[in-house]
């Protein structure tokens, strides 16, 4: 039991430390400055990390936050989409904030896709299938991740028959 338990606990601790490192938490705190449901909403002190991560102008972003605060104070904005919709007519006045909101909205989606890809790859390439080529692994991973596309079996059969004219295969 110790041969399994301790390595498993060690692996879990390493993953938790990687996911919740001080740099990651600082970045998440910085992202939360554009989420109205956050305590850090439009907080100038916490905006630097994410603006540096996205190569935005931090000083311009802080100035935009100062101007935006009184503009939205009387409005009921409950989430980041409402905040975005409120700023769309004023997008030319607040380009850094618009950029930050768009990055903050799209970042979680890009992370999920990446996580899902590696998760599927671990399932496909197991210890028993370790000799699989990179191209085959890539093809199988794409098939596993993008399951919601249609396959035209008639077209596949026709292409196979063109490529293998001399083969005698009974297709059932």
Foldseek 3Di string as FASTA:
>chain_A
DCVPVVVVVVVVVVVVCVCPPPLNVLLVLLLCCLWPVDPNPLPLVSNPSVCVVVVHDSVLQNVVSVVVCVVCVPPDDHTNVSVLVVCVVVCVVRVRSNVSSVCSVCVVVVVVLVVLLVVLLPVVCDPVNVVDDPVVSVVVSCCVSPVPDDDDVVVVVVVVCVVCVPDDDDDD
